N, C-alpha and C. Protein backbone atom coordinates (compact mmCIF):
# COMPACT_ATOMS: atom_id res chain seq x y z
N MET A 1 3.11 50.09 63.99
CA MET A 1 2.84 51.03 62.90
C MET A 1 2.47 50.26 61.64
N PRO A 2 1.31 50.52 61.04
CA PRO A 2 0.93 49.80 59.82
C PRO A 2 1.89 50.09 58.67
N ASN A 3 2.16 49.04 57.89
CA ASN A 3 2.99 49.18 56.70
C ASN A 3 2.13 48.91 55.48
N LEU A 4 2.18 49.82 54.51
CA LEU A 4 1.45 49.65 53.27
C LEU A 4 2.43 49.58 52.10
N SER A 5 2.01 48.92 51.05
CA SER A 5 2.77 49.01 49.81
C SER A 5 2.29 50.26 49.07
N LEU A 6 3.06 50.68 48.10
CA LEU A 6 2.66 51.82 47.28
C LEU A 6 1.34 51.50 46.56
N THR A 7 1.18 50.26 46.12
CA THR A 7 -0.06 49.83 45.46
C THR A 7 -1.25 49.94 46.41
N ASP A 8 -1.05 49.52 47.68
CA ASP A 8 -2.12 49.65 48.68
C ASP A 8 -2.59 51.10 48.77
N LEU A 9 -1.62 52.01 48.92
CA LEU A 9 -1.96 53.42 49.09
C LEU A 9 -2.73 53.94 47.88
N VAL A 10 -2.23 53.63 46.69
CA VAL A 10 -2.88 54.12 45.46
C VAL A 10 -4.28 53.55 45.34
N ASP A 11 -4.45 52.28 45.73
CA ASP A 11 -5.79 51.67 45.68
C ASP A 11 -6.76 52.37 46.62
N VAL A 12 -6.29 52.78 47.80
CA VAL A 12 -7.15 53.50 48.74
C VAL A 12 -7.50 54.88 48.19
N VAL A 13 -6.48 55.60 47.72
CA VAL A 13 -6.68 56.96 47.23
C VAL A 13 -7.65 56.98 46.03
N SER A 14 -7.62 55.92 45.23
CA SER A 14 -8.43 55.87 44.01
C SER A 14 -9.92 55.62 44.30
N LYS A 15 -10.25 55.33 45.54
CA LYS A 15 -11.64 55.04 45.89
C LYS A 15 -12.24 56.18 46.72
N ALA A 16 -13.57 56.19 46.79
CA ALA A 16 -14.26 57.22 47.59
C ALA A 16 -15.37 56.58 48.40
N GLY A 17 -15.73 57.24 49.52
CA GLY A 17 -16.85 56.78 50.32
C GLY A 17 -16.62 55.42 50.94
N THR A 18 -17.69 54.61 50.96
CA THR A 18 -17.63 53.29 51.60
C THR A 18 -16.58 52.37 50.98
N PRO A 19 -16.44 52.34 49.63
CA PRO A 19 -15.39 51.47 49.05
C PRO A 19 -13.99 51.79 49.56
N LYS A 20 -13.74 53.08 49.89
CA LYS A 20 -12.43 53.46 50.42
C LYS A 20 -12.21 52.80 51.78
N ALA A 21 -13.23 52.88 52.65
CA ALA A 21 -13.13 52.26 53.98
C ALA A 21 -13.01 50.74 53.86
N THR A 22 -13.74 50.18 52.90
CA THR A 22 -13.68 48.72 52.67
C THR A 22 -12.26 48.31 52.27
N LYS A 23 -11.62 49.12 51.42
CA LYS A 23 -10.26 48.82 50.96
C LYS A 23 -9.29 48.85 52.13
N VAL A 24 -9.44 49.83 53.04
CA VAL A 24 -8.57 49.91 54.22
C VAL A 24 -8.74 48.65 55.07
N ALA A 25 -10.00 48.22 55.25
CA ALA A 25 -10.28 47.01 56.04
C ALA A 25 -9.65 45.78 55.38
N GLU A 26 -9.74 45.69 54.06
CA GLU A 26 -9.12 44.56 53.32
C GLU A 26 -7.62 44.52 53.57
N ILE A 27 -6.98 45.68 53.49
CA ILE A 27 -5.53 45.74 53.68
C ILE A 27 -5.16 45.33 55.10
N LYS A 28 -5.91 45.83 56.09
CA LYS A 28 -5.60 45.52 57.49
C LYS A 28 -5.79 44.03 57.78
N ASN A 29 -6.82 43.43 57.22
CA ASN A 29 -7.22 42.08 57.62
C ASN A 29 -6.75 40.97 56.68
N ARG A 30 -5.98 41.32 55.67
CA ARG A 30 -5.52 40.27 54.75
C ARG A 30 -4.44 39.43 55.41
N LYS A 31 -4.19 38.27 54.83
CA LYS A 31 -3.15 37.38 55.34
C LYS A 31 -1.78 37.99 55.06
N PRO A 32 -0.77 37.59 55.83
CA PRO A 32 0.59 38.10 55.57
C PRO A 32 1.03 37.77 54.14
N TYR A 33 1.93 38.61 53.64
CA TYR A 33 2.43 38.43 52.27
C TYR A 33 3.04 37.05 52.07
N GLN A 34 2.65 36.40 51.00
CA GLN A 34 3.22 35.11 50.61
C GLN A 34 3.73 35.22 49.17
N PRO A 35 5.03 35.04 48.95
CA PRO A 35 5.54 35.13 47.59
C PRO A 35 4.79 34.23 46.60
N ALA A 36 4.34 33.07 47.09
CA ALA A 36 3.66 32.12 46.20
C ALA A 36 2.35 32.67 45.64
N THR A 37 1.74 33.61 46.36
CA THR A 37 0.47 34.16 45.89
C THR A 37 0.64 35.52 45.20
N ASP A 38 1.88 35.97 45.03
CA ASP A 38 2.17 37.23 44.33
C ASP A 38 2.19 36.91 42.83
N PHE A 39 1.11 37.29 42.16
CA PHE A 39 0.88 36.87 40.77
C PHE A 39 2.03 37.25 39.83
N TYR A 40 2.56 38.46 39.98
CA TYR A 40 3.58 38.93 39.04
C TYR A 40 5.01 38.80 39.56
N LYS A 41 5.19 38.16 40.72
CA LYS A 41 6.56 38.03 41.27
C LYS A 41 7.51 37.32 40.29
N PRO A 42 7.12 36.19 39.66
CA PRO A 42 8.06 35.56 38.72
C PRO A 42 8.43 36.47 37.55
N PHE A 43 7.47 37.29 37.11
CA PHE A 43 7.76 38.22 36.02
C PHE A 43 8.77 39.27 36.47
N ARG A 44 8.49 39.90 37.63
CA ARG A 44 9.39 40.95 38.13
C ARG A 44 10.79 40.40 38.39
N ASP A 45 10.83 39.25 39.07
CA ASP A 45 12.13 38.64 39.40
C ASP A 45 12.89 38.27 38.12
N GLY A 46 12.17 37.72 37.15
CA GLY A 46 12.79 37.32 35.88
C GLY A 46 13.37 38.52 35.14
N LEU A 47 12.63 39.62 35.16
CA LEU A 47 13.07 40.84 34.49
C LEU A 47 14.34 41.39 35.16
N ILE A 48 14.33 41.40 36.49
CA ILE A 48 15.50 41.88 37.24
C ILE A 48 16.72 41.01 36.92
N GLU A 49 16.53 39.68 36.95
CA GLU A 49 17.65 38.76 36.67
C GLU A 49 18.17 38.95 35.25
N LEU A 50 17.27 39.15 34.31
CA LEU A 50 17.64 39.35 32.91
C LEU A 50 18.54 40.59 32.77
N HIS A 51 18.14 41.69 33.41
CA HIS A 51 18.94 42.92 33.31
C HIS A 51 20.23 42.81 34.11
N GLN A 52 20.18 42.18 35.28
CA GLN A 52 21.41 42.02 36.07
C GLN A 52 22.46 41.22 35.29
N ALA A 53 21.98 40.25 34.51
CA ALA A 53 22.89 39.40 33.73
C ALA A 53 23.29 40.05 32.40
N GLY A 54 22.71 41.21 32.10
CA GLY A 54 23.06 41.91 30.87
C GLY A 54 22.57 41.23 29.60
N LYS A 55 21.48 40.48 29.70
CA LYS A 55 20.95 39.77 28.53
C LYS A 55 20.24 40.75 27.58
N ASP A 56 20.02 40.30 26.35
CA ASP A 56 19.36 41.18 25.40
C ASP A 56 17.85 40.92 25.35
N ARG A 57 17.18 41.66 24.48
CA ARG A 57 15.73 41.66 24.41
C ARG A 57 15.14 40.28 24.09
N LYS A 58 15.91 39.46 23.38
CA LYS A 58 15.41 38.12 23.00
C LYS A 58 15.13 37.27 24.24
N ALA A 59 15.84 37.55 25.33
CA ALA A 59 15.69 36.74 26.55
C ALA A 59 14.34 36.96 27.24
N LEU A 60 13.57 37.97 26.81
CA LEU A 60 12.26 38.21 27.42
C LEU A 60 11.34 37.00 27.27
N GLY A 61 11.48 36.28 26.18
CA GLY A 61 10.66 35.09 25.95
C GLY A 61 10.84 34.03 27.02
N ASP A 62 12.02 34.05 27.68
CA ASP A 62 12.29 33.05 28.73
C ASP A 62 11.41 33.26 29.96
N LEU A 63 10.83 34.46 30.10
CA LEU A 63 10.03 34.75 31.30
C LEU A 63 8.77 33.90 31.39
N GLN A 64 8.35 33.29 30.28
CA GLN A 64 7.14 32.47 30.34
C GLN A 64 7.41 30.98 30.19
N LYS A 65 8.69 30.61 30.03
CA LYS A 65 9.00 29.20 29.77
C LYS A 65 8.66 28.27 30.92
N SER A 66 8.85 28.74 32.17
CA SER A 66 8.65 27.84 33.31
C SER A 66 7.25 27.95 33.93
N LEU A 67 6.36 28.70 33.28
CA LEU A 67 5.03 28.90 33.85
C LEU A 67 4.15 27.66 33.74
N THR A 68 3.40 27.38 34.81
CA THR A 68 2.44 26.27 34.78
C THR A 68 1.02 26.75 35.12
N ASP A 69 0.92 27.90 35.79
CA ASP A 69 -0.38 28.46 36.16
C ASP A 69 -1.08 28.98 34.91
N PRO A 70 -2.27 28.46 34.59
CA PRO A 70 -2.97 28.88 33.36
C PRO A 70 -3.22 30.39 33.29
N LYS A 71 -3.50 31.02 34.46
CA LYS A 71 -3.75 32.47 34.45
C LYS A 71 -2.48 33.23 34.08
N LYS A 72 -1.33 32.77 34.58
CA LYS A 72 -0.07 33.42 34.24
C LYS A 72 0.26 33.19 32.76
N ILE A 73 0.00 31.98 32.29
CA ILE A 73 0.26 31.67 30.88
C ILE A 73 -0.56 32.59 29.98
N THR A 74 -1.76 32.94 30.42
CA THR A 74 -2.64 33.83 29.66
C THR A 74 -2.21 35.29 29.78
N ASN A 75 -1.80 35.72 30.98
CA ASN A 75 -1.53 37.13 31.25
C ASN A 75 -0.11 37.60 30.95
N TYR A 76 0.87 36.75 31.17
CA TYR A 76 2.26 37.18 31.03
C TYR A 76 2.62 37.64 29.61
N PRO A 77 2.12 36.98 28.54
CA PRO A 77 2.53 37.42 27.20
C PRO A 77 2.23 38.89 26.92
N ASP A 78 1.10 39.42 27.42
CA ASP A 78 0.80 40.85 27.21
C ASP A 78 1.84 41.73 27.89
N ALA A 79 2.22 41.34 29.10
CA ALA A 79 3.24 42.11 29.83
C ALA A 79 4.58 42.02 29.11
N ILE A 80 4.94 40.83 28.64
CA ILE A 80 6.22 40.64 27.94
C ILE A 80 6.23 41.45 26.64
N ASP A 81 5.13 41.41 25.89
CA ASP A 81 5.05 42.16 24.63
C ASP A 81 5.16 43.66 24.88
N GLY A 82 4.47 44.14 25.93
CA GLY A 82 4.53 45.57 26.25
C GLY A 82 5.93 46.00 26.65
N TYR A 83 6.59 45.16 27.45
CA TYR A 83 7.95 45.49 27.87
C TYR A 83 8.90 45.47 26.67
N ARG A 84 8.71 44.50 25.80
CA ARG A 84 9.54 44.39 24.58
C ARG A 84 9.37 45.65 23.72
N LYS A 85 8.12 46.12 23.61
CA LYS A 85 7.82 47.33 22.84
C LYS A 85 8.54 48.54 23.44
N TRP A 86 8.49 48.66 24.80
CA TRP A 86 9.16 49.78 25.44
C TRP A 86 10.68 49.69 25.24
N TRP A 87 11.23 48.50 25.37
CA TRP A 87 12.68 48.31 25.25
C TRP A 87 13.14 48.74 23.86
N GLY A 88 12.42 48.27 22.83
CA GLY A 88 12.77 48.65 21.46
C GLY A 88 14.24 48.45 21.16
N LYS A 89 14.88 49.50 20.68
CA LYS A 89 16.30 49.42 20.34
C LYS A 89 17.18 50.09 21.40
N LYS A 90 16.58 50.40 22.55
CA LYS A 90 17.34 51.09 23.60
C LYS A 90 18.46 50.20 24.14
N SER A 91 19.53 50.84 24.52
CA SER A 91 20.61 50.15 25.22
C SER A 91 20.32 50.25 26.73
N LEU A 92 20.19 49.10 27.41
CA LEU A 92 19.84 49.08 28.83
C LEU A 92 20.94 48.39 29.63
N SER A 93 21.31 48.98 30.76
CA SER A 93 22.21 48.29 31.68
C SER A 93 21.72 48.54 33.11
N TRP A 94 22.04 47.61 34.00
CA TRP A 94 21.46 47.55 35.33
C TRP A 94 22.25 48.35 36.36
N PHE A 95 21.53 48.96 37.32
CA PHE A 95 22.11 49.37 38.59
C PHE A 95 21.06 49.10 39.67
N GLU A 96 21.49 49.01 40.91
CA GLU A 96 20.56 48.69 42.00
C GLU A 96 19.70 49.90 42.32
N PRO A 97 18.36 49.79 42.21
CA PRO A 97 17.53 50.96 42.49
C PRO A 97 17.44 51.24 43.99
N PRO A 98 17.29 52.52 44.37
CA PRO A 98 17.14 52.84 45.79
C PRO A 98 15.75 52.44 46.29
N ARG A 99 15.65 52.23 47.59
CA ARG A 99 14.36 51.92 48.24
C ARG A 99 14.26 52.76 49.50
N ASN A 100 13.03 53.00 49.93
CA ASN A 100 12.87 53.79 51.15
C ASN A 100 11.45 53.64 51.66
N LEU A 101 11.20 54.17 52.85
CA LEU A 101 9.84 54.25 53.40
C LEU A 101 9.42 55.71 53.40
N TYR A 102 8.14 55.93 53.15
CA TYR A 102 7.56 57.25 53.35
C TYR A 102 6.56 57.14 54.48
N GLY A 103 6.73 57.95 55.52
CA GLY A 103 5.85 57.84 56.68
C GLY A 103 5.10 59.12 56.97
N HIS A 104 3.85 58.95 57.39
CA HIS A 104 3.05 60.09 57.84
C HIS A 104 1.90 59.53 58.70
N ALA A 105 1.56 60.22 59.78
CA ALA A 105 0.43 59.87 60.65
C ALA A 105 0.54 58.44 61.19
N GLY A 106 1.77 57.97 61.39
CA GLY A 106 1.96 56.63 61.93
C GLY A 106 1.83 55.51 60.92
N ILE A 107 1.74 55.84 59.64
CA ILE A 107 1.64 54.83 58.57
C ILE A 107 2.89 54.92 57.72
N ASP A 108 3.52 53.77 57.46
CA ASP A 108 4.68 53.72 56.56
C ASP A 108 4.27 53.12 55.22
N VAL A 109 4.74 53.75 54.16
CA VAL A 109 4.51 53.24 52.81
C VAL A 109 5.86 52.85 52.21
N ALA A 110 5.97 51.61 51.77
CA ALA A 110 7.22 51.13 51.16
C ALA A 110 7.30 51.61 49.71
N ILE A 111 8.39 52.29 49.40
CA ILE A 111 8.62 52.78 48.03
C ILE A 111 9.75 51.91 47.47
N ASN A 112 9.37 50.91 46.69
CA ASN A 112 10.33 49.90 46.22
C ASN A 112 10.30 49.75 44.70
N PRO A 113 10.92 50.67 43.96
CA PRO A 113 10.97 50.48 42.52
C PRO A 113 11.77 49.23 42.17
N GLU A 114 11.33 48.53 41.13
CA GLU A 114 11.97 47.25 40.80
C GLU A 114 13.25 47.40 39.99
N LEU A 115 13.30 48.42 39.13
CA LEU A 115 14.40 48.50 38.16
C LEU A 115 15.22 49.77 38.32
N GLY A 116 16.53 49.59 38.24
CA GLY A 116 17.46 50.69 38.04
C GLY A 116 18.13 50.43 36.71
N LEU A 117 17.85 51.27 35.72
CA LEU A 117 18.38 51.01 34.38
C LEU A 117 19.02 52.27 33.79
N VAL A 118 20.20 52.08 33.23
CA VAL A 118 20.80 53.13 32.42
C VAL A 118 20.24 52.92 31.02
N VAL A 119 19.43 53.89 30.57
CA VAL A 119 18.74 53.80 29.27
C VAL A 119 19.43 54.77 28.32
N ASP A 120 20.14 54.22 27.35
CA ASP A 120 20.87 55.06 26.38
C ASP A 120 21.70 56.13 27.10
N GLY A 121 22.35 55.72 28.19
CA GLY A 121 23.27 56.62 28.90
C GLY A 121 22.66 57.42 30.04
N LYS A 122 21.33 57.38 30.21
CA LYS A 122 20.67 58.14 31.28
C LYS A 122 20.09 57.18 32.31
N ARG A 123 20.26 57.49 33.58
CA ARG A 123 19.81 56.61 34.66
C ARG A 123 18.32 56.82 34.97
N TYR A 124 17.59 55.70 35.02
CA TYR A 124 16.16 55.71 35.36
C TYR A 124 15.91 54.76 36.52
N VAL A 125 15.14 55.23 37.49
CA VAL A 125 14.66 54.40 38.59
C VAL A 125 13.18 54.14 38.29
N ILE A 126 12.82 52.85 38.08
CA ILE A 126 11.52 52.54 37.48
C ILE A 126 10.68 51.62 38.37
N LYS A 127 9.44 52.06 38.60
CA LYS A 127 8.41 51.23 39.24
C LYS A 127 7.59 50.60 38.12
N LEU A 128 7.36 49.30 38.22
CA LEU A 128 6.59 48.59 37.19
C LEU A 128 5.11 48.59 37.55
N TYR A 129 4.28 48.92 36.58
CA TYR A 129 2.82 48.82 36.73
C TYR A 129 2.36 47.68 35.82
N LEU A 130 1.86 46.61 36.43
CA LEU A 130 1.56 45.39 35.67
C LEU A 130 0.08 45.07 35.57
N LYS A 131 -0.77 45.80 36.28
CA LYS A 131 -2.20 45.49 36.25
C LYS A 131 -2.77 45.75 34.86
N SER A 132 -3.89 45.09 34.57
CA SER A 132 -4.56 45.34 33.29
C SER A 132 -5.46 46.57 33.36
N ASP A 133 -5.82 47.02 34.59
CA ASP A 133 -6.59 48.26 34.74
C ASP A 133 -5.78 49.41 34.15
N PRO A 134 -6.45 50.37 33.49
CA PRO A 134 -5.70 51.51 32.93
C PRO A 134 -4.94 52.27 34.02
N LEU A 135 -3.76 52.73 33.66
CA LEU A 135 -2.95 53.53 34.57
C LEU A 135 -3.41 54.98 34.45
N THR A 136 -4.21 55.43 35.42
CA THR A 136 -4.80 56.77 35.36
C THR A 136 -3.77 57.84 35.72
N LYS A 137 -4.09 59.09 35.37
CA LYS A 137 -3.21 60.20 35.72
C LYS A 137 -3.05 60.31 37.24
N LEU A 138 -4.14 60.07 37.99
CA LEU A 138 -4.06 60.12 39.45
C LEU A 138 -3.02 59.13 39.96
N ARG A 139 -3.06 57.90 39.45
CA ARG A 139 -2.10 56.88 39.89
C ARG A 139 -0.67 57.29 39.53
N VAL A 140 -0.49 57.75 38.30
CA VAL A 140 0.85 58.19 37.86
C VAL A 140 1.36 59.30 38.77
N ASP A 141 0.51 60.29 39.04
CA ASP A 141 0.93 61.43 39.86
C ASP A 141 1.30 61.00 41.28
N LEU A 142 0.46 60.18 41.90
CA LEU A 142 0.74 59.73 43.26
C LEU A 142 2.04 58.95 43.34
N ILE A 143 2.22 58.02 42.42
CA ILE A 143 3.39 57.14 42.47
C ILE A 143 4.67 57.92 42.18
N THR A 144 4.66 58.74 41.12
CA THR A 144 5.89 59.46 40.77
C THR A 144 6.25 60.51 41.81
N VAL A 145 5.24 61.19 42.38
CA VAL A 145 5.54 62.19 43.41
C VAL A 145 6.08 61.51 44.68
N LEU A 146 5.48 60.41 45.09
CA LEU A 146 6.00 59.71 46.28
C LEU A 146 7.40 59.17 46.04
N MET A 147 7.67 58.69 44.84
CA MET A 147 9.05 58.26 44.51
C MET A 147 10.00 59.45 44.64
N GLU A 148 9.58 60.59 44.10
CA GLU A 148 10.42 61.79 44.15
C GLU A 148 10.70 62.20 45.60
N VAL A 149 9.66 62.21 46.42
CA VAL A 149 9.79 62.65 47.82
C VAL A 149 10.65 61.66 48.63
N ALA A 150 10.39 60.37 48.44
CA ALA A 150 11.04 59.36 49.28
C ALA A 150 12.44 58.96 48.80
N LEU A 151 12.68 59.06 47.49
CA LEU A 151 13.91 58.49 46.94
C LEU A 151 14.93 59.51 46.44
N ARG A 152 14.50 60.75 46.22
CA ARG A 152 15.41 61.72 45.57
C ARG A 152 16.74 61.82 46.30
N GLN A 153 16.72 61.84 47.65
CA GLN A 153 17.98 62.01 48.39
C GLN A 153 18.88 60.78 48.27
N LYS A 154 18.33 59.66 47.79
CA LYS A 154 19.14 58.44 47.63
C LYS A 154 19.61 58.27 46.18
N CYS A 155 19.23 59.21 45.32
CA CYS A 155 19.55 59.12 43.90
C CYS A 155 20.67 60.07 43.50
N GLN A 156 21.21 59.85 42.32
CA GLN A 156 22.11 60.83 41.73
C GLN A 156 21.26 62.01 41.23
N PRO A 157 21.84 63.22 41.15
CA PRO A 157 21.05 64.41 40.82
C PRO A 157 20.26 64.29 39.51
N ASP A 158 20.83 63.62 38.51
CA ASP A 158 20.16 63.55 37.20
C ASP A 158 19.30 62.31 37.01
N ASP A 159 19.19 61.46 38.04
CA ASP A 159 18.35 60.26 37.90
C ASP A 159 16.91 60.65 37.61
N VAL A 160 16.27 59.90 36.72
CA VAL A 160 14.87 60.13 36.39
C VAL A 160 14.04 59.06 37.12
N LEU A 161 13.04 59.51 37.90
CA LEU A 161 12.15 58.59 38.61
C LEU A 161 10.89 58.42 37.77
N ALA A 162 10.48 57.17 37.56
CA ALA A 162 9.40 56.93 36.61
C ALA A 162 8.61 55.68 36.94
N ILE A 163 7.41 55.61 36.35
CA ILE A 163 6.61 54.39 36.41
C ILE A 163 6.39 53.92 34.98
N LEU A 164 6.54 52.62 34.78
CA LEU A 164 6.36 52.04 33.46
C LEU A 164 5.06 51.25 33.42
N ASP A 165 4.13 51.68 32.57
CA ASP A 165 2.93 50.90 32.29
C ASP A 165 3.37 49.79 31.36
N VAL A 166 3.65 48.64 31.94
CA VAL A 166 4.33 47.56 31.22
C VAL A 166 3.50 47.10 30.02
N ARG A 167 2.23 46.84 30.21
CA ARG A 167 1.40 46.32 29.12
C ARG A 167 1.30 47.29 27.94
N GLN A 168 1.28 48.59 28.25
CA GLN A 168 1.19 49.59 27.19
C GLN A 168 2.56 50.02 26.64
N GLY A 169 3.62 49.63 27.35
CA GLY A 169 4.96 50.01 26.92
C GLY A 169 5.21 51.51 27.02
N LYS A 170 4.60 52.16 28.04
CA LYS A 170 4.72 53.61 28.18
C LYS A 170 5.34 53.98 29.53
N LEU A 171 6.31 54.88 29.48
CA LEU A 171 7.00 55.34 30.68
C LEU A 171 6.51 56.74 31.05
N PHE A 172 6.20 56.93 32.34
CA PHE A 172 5.70 58.21 32.84
C PHE A 172 6.64 58.74 33.91
N THR A 173 6.98 60.02 33.82
CA THR A 173 7.83 60.66 34.82
C THR A 173 6.99 61.69 35.59
N VAL A 174 7.59 62.33 36.56
CA VAL A 174 6.86 63.28 37.41
C VAL A 174 6.38 64.46 36.57
N SER A 175 5.07 64.71 36.62
CA SER A 175 4.53 65.90 35.94
C SER A 175 3.67 66.72 36.91
N ALA A 176 3.25 66.11 38.01
CA ALA A 176 2.41 66.82 38.99
C ALA A 176 3.28 67.70 39.88
N GLN A 177 2.66 68.71 40.47
CA GLN A 177 3.36 69.55 41.44
C GLN A 177 3.57 68.73 42.71
N ILE A 178 4.78 68.78 43.23
CA ILE A 178 5.16 67.93 44.37
C ILE A 178 4.38 68.29 45.63
N LYS A 179 4.39 69.57 46.01
CA LYS A 179 3.85 69.97 47.32
C LYS A 179 2.35 69.65 47.47
N PRO A 180 1.48 70.06 46.53
CA PRO A 180 0.06 69.75 46.71
C PRO A 180 -0.24 68.25 46.62
N THR A 181 0.50 67.53 45.78
CA THR A 181 0.26 66.09 45.67
C THR A 181 0.68 65.38 46.95
N LYS A 182 1.80 65.80 47.53
CA LYS A 182 2.25 65.23 48.81
C LYS A 182 1.22 65.53 49.90
N ALA A 183 0.61 66.72 49.86
CA ALA A 183 -0.42 67.07 50.85
C ALA A 183 -1.63 66.14 50.74
N VAL A 184 -2.00 65.78 49.51
CA VAL A 184 -3.10 64.83 49.29
C VAL A 184 -2.73 63.47 49.89
N VAL A 185 -1.50 63.02 49.63
CA VAL A 185 -1.04 61.74 50.17
C VAL A 185 -1.09 61.76 51.70
N ASP A 186 -0.59 62.84 52.31
CA ASP A 186 -0.57 62.94 53.77
C ASP A 186 -2.00 62.91 54.34
N ALA A 187 -2.93 63.58 53.66
CA ALA A 187 -4.33 63.57 54.11
C ALA A 187 -4.91 62.16 54.04
N GLU A 188 -4.57 61.44 52.98
CA GLU A 188 -5.06 60.05 52.83
C GLU A 188 -4.46 59.14 53.91
N LEU A 189 -3.19 59.34 54.21
CA LEU A 189 -2.55 58.52 55.26
C LEU A 189 -3.15 58.84 56.62
N ALA A 190 -3.49 60.10 56.87
CA ALA A 190 -4.15 60.47 58.13
C ALA A 190 -5.53 59.80 58.21
N TYR A 191 -6.23 59.74 57.08
CA TYR A 191 -7.54 59.07 57.02
C TYR A 191 -7.37 57.58 57.35
N ILE A 192 -6.38 56.93 56.74
CA ILE A 192 -6.13 55.50 56.98
C ILE A 192 -5.82 55.29 58.46
N ALA A 193 -4.97 56.16 59.02
CA ALA A 193 -4.58 56.03 60.43
C ALA A 193 -5.78 56.17 61.36
N ALA A 194 -6.69 57.10 61.03
CA ALA A 194 -7.87 57.32 61.86
C ALA A 194 -8.84 56.13 61.77
N LEU A 195 -8.91 55.53 60.61
CA LEU A 195 -9.86 54.43 60.38
C LEU A 195 -9.32 53.08 60.89
N TRP A 196 -8.00 52.93 60.85
CA TRP A 196 -7.32 51.65 61.08
C TRP A 196 -7.80 50.91 62.35
N PRO A 197 -7.89 51.58 63.51
CA PRO A 197 -8.25 50.84 64.73
C PRO A 197 -9.68 50.25 64.70
N SER A 198 -10.55 50.80 63.86
CA SER A 198 -11.95 50.39 63.93
C SER A 198 -12.42 49.53 62.76
N VAL A 199 -11.51 49.11 61.88
CA VAL A 199 -11.95 48.25 60.76
C VAL A 199 -11.46 46.81 60.95
């Protein structure tokens, strides 16, 4: 059974026609995941460690201290500044976020939010969006609805599921209708499943 990341799925859904099929082929034929080639892994891991240790906002600067890759040295400061802006004066404390798979048509999608944070007394389960491409409404709707569908039963009743556009310092919660958006996701997964054997 093919396994996709949430980013993979959103990338496929965001395309139409031949580029959509090309994206499915790229996902199927790419090399296995290597942490060393995951551009934002040090940022995500550093952020998680910072919150787990209960450090304050000043510690965000440490996320770029050990960088040697020129591209990371250029890109990370924007992400750090955006996260710092979102953090502001909020009181944040860590909890372990839930994870799950969402499956349809023989395709599994991993729903793995990076952060579980109590923000000024309210619990948030947060997926980080780190790309420089604008975070469109379609992407927000797909990600937040899939988080809601896949993770709600693993959350406390009042937990807020959200995606954070890190560079912009903006947090988005579910605003789309669940049922029709889930139907779109299921149709896309059926398309991927039908195409998968022949790409």
